[in-house]
Amino acid sequence: MDKSMVKGLVVGGLATVVIGASGVTGYQTLMKPKEADVIAVKDVMETVVTPRERCEDVAVQRQAPVKDQHRIAGSVIGGVAGGLLGSTIGGGNGKTLATVAGAAAGGYAGNQVQKNMQQKDVVNTTERRCKTVNEKSQKHSGYNVTYRLDGKDDTVRMSFKPGATLPVKDGKVVTAPPPGAQL
């Protein structure tokens, strides 16, 4: 055998291997599934919390502003009334002592009466009170799709609702939405 014949055999053998391998690869590619069967589709819902302000008008009672903080009017009126009552008791020095004691006791009593009256003097107003409340709602966020490919089941999250089958490319399910799909 000469060199050119050996070269021809080697090149021919390599060509046969390459053509045979590409034929097997082409056959395997042709035999791969082009679609996966959709078994189940479940909606995926997401809870959304939205804060909002809730306000209401509330009736409020407050103590009215005091005009006579030292309660002088009550003390004076009580003192005069107590002194008049004290002057009707006894005679001589006892009468003077009773008048002074009556004026002192009447002044204290008048002061306390005015204090109680001032505490019960209220003003009614309306205040607007607000607080933040959280409202919960459900939002659709996609689909959990269970499919069967080559006899095996698997699940994938998708943004669109698929039909009865999913396209397969290079042995993997295509999860990108097709043109015109509703999201």
Protein backbone atom coordinates (compact mmCIF):
# COMPACT_ATOMS: atom_id res chain seq x y z
CA MET A 1 0.00 0.00 0.00
CA ASP A 2 1.23 3.34 -0.80
CA LYS A 3 0.95 6.50 1.24
CA SER A 4 -1.88 8.02 -0.74
CA MET A 5 -4.01 4.94 -0.24
CA VAL A 6 -3.40 5.05 3.54
CA LYS A 7 -4.28 8.72 3.57
CA GLY A 8 -7.47 7.95 1.65
CA LEU A 9 -8.44 5.23 4.12
CA VAL A 10 -7.79 7.48 7.12
CA VAL A 11 -9.71 10.41 5.64
CA GLY A 12 -12.54 8.09 4.56
CA GLY A 13 -12.68 6.48 8.01
CA LEU A 14 -12.81 9.87 9.74
CA ALA A 15 -15.53 11.03 7.39
CA THR A 16 -17.55 7.88 8.14
CA VAL A 17 -17.21 8.43 11.92
CA VAL A 18 -18.21 12.10 11.65
CA ILE A 19 -21.19 11.37 9.41
CA GLY A 20 -22.27 8.48 11.61
CA ALA A 21 -22.02 10.56 14.81
CA SER A 22 -23.98 13.41 13.29
CA GLY A 23 -26.60 10.94 12.15
CA VAL A 24 -26.97 9.55 15.68
CA THR A 25 -27.09 13.07 17.15
CA GLY A 26 -29.62 14.12 14.51
CA TYR A 27 -31.72 11.06 15.26
CA GLN A 28 -31.61 11.75 19.01
CA THR A 29 -32.61 15.36 18.36
CA LEU A 30 -35.50 14.22 16.19
CA MET A 31 -36.61 11.78 18.89
CA LYS A 32 -36.65 14.35 21.74
CA PRO A 33 -40.18 15.50 22.64
CA LYS A 34 -41.20 18.91 21.34
CA GLU A 35 -44.00 19.33 23.90
CA ALA A 36 -44.70 18.54 27.55
CA ASP A 37 -48.20 17.62 28.71
CA VAL A 38 -49.74 19.98 31.27
CA ILE A 39 -51.23 17.94 34.14
CA ALA A 40 -52.43 20.68 36.52
CA VAL A 41 -52.57 24.47 36.74
CA LYS A 42 -53.07 26.18 40.12
CA ASP A 43 -53.54 29.91 40.65
CA VAL A 44 -50.96 31.47 42.97
CA MET A 45 -52.40 34.19 45.18
CA GLU A 46 -50.40 36.67 47.22
CA THR A 47 -51.68 38.57 50.27
CA VAL A 48 -51.14 42.31 49.91
CA VAL A 49 -51.26 44.56 52.98
CA THR A 50 -52.21 48.16 52.25
CA PRO A 51 -52.02 50.71 55.09
CA ARG A 52 -54.62 53.47 55.10
CA GLU A 53 -55.71 56.15 57.52
CA ARG A 54 -59.11 55.83 59.24
CA CYS A 55 -60.45 58.97 60.93
CA GLU A 56 -63.48 59.62 63.12
CA ASP A 57 -64.93 62.56 65.03
CA VAL A 58 -65.07 61.97 68.81
CA ALA A 59 -66.96 64.00 71.43
CA VAL A 60 -64.56 65.17 74.15
CA GLN A 61 -65.32 66.79 77.51
CA ARG A 62 -62.77 69.11 79.06
CA GLN A 63 -62.81 71.24 82.17
CA ALA A 64 -63.81 74.76 81.30
CA PRO A 65 -61.15 77.45 81.77
CA VAL A 66 -61.24 78.78 85.35
CA LYS A 67 -61.76 82.54 85.65
CA ASP A 68 -61.16 82.77 89.41
CA GLN A 69 -58.20 80.44 90.08
CA HIS A 70 -57.82 81.41 93.74
CA ARG A 71 -61.58 81.10 94.37
CA ILE A 72 -61.73 84.57 95.97
CA ALA A 73 -65.44 85.04 95.25
CA GLY A 74 -66.36 81.80 97.05
CA SER A 75 -64.09 82.58 99.97
CA VAL A 76 -65.47 86.13 100.40
CA ILE A 77 -69.13 85.12 100.08
CA GLY A 78 -68.60 82.16 102.43
CA GLY A 79 -66.71 84.35 104.91
CA VAL A 80 -69.46 86.99 104.97
CA ALA A 81 -72.17 84.34 105.38
CA GLY A 82 -70.17 82.54 108.12
CA GLY A 83 -69.49 85.83 109.95
CA LEU A 84 -73.21 86.73 109.89
CA LEU A 85 -74.13 83.31 111.25
CA GLY A 86 -71.39 83.52 113.92
CA SER A 87 -72.58 86.95 115.06
CA THR A 88 -75.97 85.51 115.98
CA ILE A 89 -74.40 83.22 118.56
CA GLY A 90 -73.57 84.27 122.10
CA GLY A 91 -72.86 87.68 123.47
CA GLY A 92 -69.84 89.88 124.39
CA ASN A 93 -66.40 88.41 123.68
CA GLY A 94 -68.02 85.08 122.76
CA LYS A 95 -70.00 86.82 120.08
CA THR A 96 -66.81 88.31 118.56
CA LEU A 97 -65.05 84.95 118.75
CA ALA A 98 -68.06 83.21 117.14
CA THR A 99 -68.18 85.86 114.36
CA VAL A 100 -64.45 85.40 113.57
CA ALA A 101 -64.70 81.60 113.71
CA GLY A 102 -67.87 81.68 111.54
CA ALA A 103 -66.15 83.94 109.01
CA ALA A 104 -63.08 81.65 108.85
CA ALA A 105 -65.19 78.45 108.53
CA GLY A 106 -67.53 80.13 106.03
CA GLY A 107 -64.57 81.37 103.96
CA TYR A 108 -63.11 77.84 103.79
CA ALA A 109 -66.50 76.29 102.98
CA GLY A 110 -67.17 78.91 100.27
CA ASN A 111 -63.73 78.21 98.77
CA GLN A 112 -64.46 74.45 98.61
CA VAL A 113 -67.94 74.95 97.15
CA GLN A 114 -66.51 77.13 94.39
CA LYS A 115 -63.77 74.54 93.76
CA ASN A 116 -66.37 71.76 93.29
CA MET A 117 -68.44 73.96 90.99
CA GLN A 118 -65.39 74.80 88.86
CA GLN A 119 -64.45 71.09 88.53
CA LYS A 120 -67.93 70.23 87.29
CA ASP A 121 -67.94 73.09 84.77
CA VAL A 122 -67.06 71.31 81.45
CA VAL A 123 -66.89 72.27 77.80
CA ASN A 124 -67.91 69.76 75.09
CA THR A 125 -65.88 69.76 71.87
CA THR A 126 -65.38 67.45 68.89
CA GLU A 127 -61.91 66.18 67.97
CA ARG A 128 -60.86 64.33 64.83
CA ARG A 129 -58.81 61.25 65.73
CA CYS A 130 -57.01 59.22 63.10
CA LYS A 131 -55.17 55.91 63.15
CA THR A 132 -53.51 53.72 60.55
CA VAL A 133 -55.22 50.42 59.74
CA ASN A 134 -53.93 47.66 57.46
CA GLU A 135 -56.30 46.30 54.84
CA LYS A 136 -55.52 42.87 53.41
CA SER A 137 -56.40 41.82 49.87
CA GLN A 138 -55.49 38.97 47.53
CA LYS A 139 -53.53 39.55 44.33
CA HIS A 140 -53.00 37.00 41.56
CA SER A 141 -49.26 36.51 41.11
CA GLY A 142 -48.97 33.61 38.65
CA TYR A 143 -49.57 29.89 38.13
CA ASN A 144 -47.97 26.72 39.47
CA VAL A 145 -47.96 24.42 36.44
CA THR A 146 -47.37 20.69 36.81
CA TYR A 147 -46.26 19.02 33.57
CA ARG A 148 -45.04 15.62 32.37
CA LEU A 149 -41.91 15.38 30.17
CA ASP A 150 -40.24 12.08 29.27
CA GLY A 151 -42.41 10.26 31.83
CA LYS A 152 -41.35 12.54 34.71
CA ASP A 153 -43.59 15.07 36.49
CA ASP A 154 -42.29 18.47 37.50
CA THR A 155 -43.72 21.85 38.55
CA VAL A 156 -42.77 25.32 37.38
CA ARG A 157 -44.06 28.83 38.27
CA MET A 158 -45.31 30.73 35.23
CA SER A 159 -46.62 34.24 34.70
CA PHE A 160 -49.29 33.15 32.20
CA LYS A 161 -51.89 30.38 32.08
CA PRO A 162 -50.70 27.69 29.64
CA GLY A 163 -52.77 25.51 27.36
CA ALA A 164 -52.79 21.69 27.32
CA THR A 165 -49.09 21.48 26.41
CA LEU A 166 -45.87 23.45 26.91
CA PRO A 167 -43.21 23.84 24.23
CA VAL A 168 -39.88 22.07 24.81
CA LYS A 169 -36.55 23.34 23.52
CA ASP A 170 -33.26 21.48 24.02
CA GLY A 171 -34.98 19.08 26.42
CA LYS A 172 -36.31 21.87 28.70
CA VAL A 173 -39.76 23.40 29.08
CA VAL A 174 -40.08 26.95 27.71
CA THR A 175 -41.63 29.15 30.42
CA ALA A 176 -41.49 32.48 28.58
CA PRO A 177 -44.93 33.70 27.54
CA PRO A 178 -45.69 33.40 23.85
CA PRO A 179 -46.53 36.60 21.97
CA GLY A 180 -50.07 37.72 22.80
CA ALA A 181 -50.40 35.62 25.99
CA GLN A 182 -52.51 37.11 28.79
CA LEU A 183 -50.42 37.72 31.89
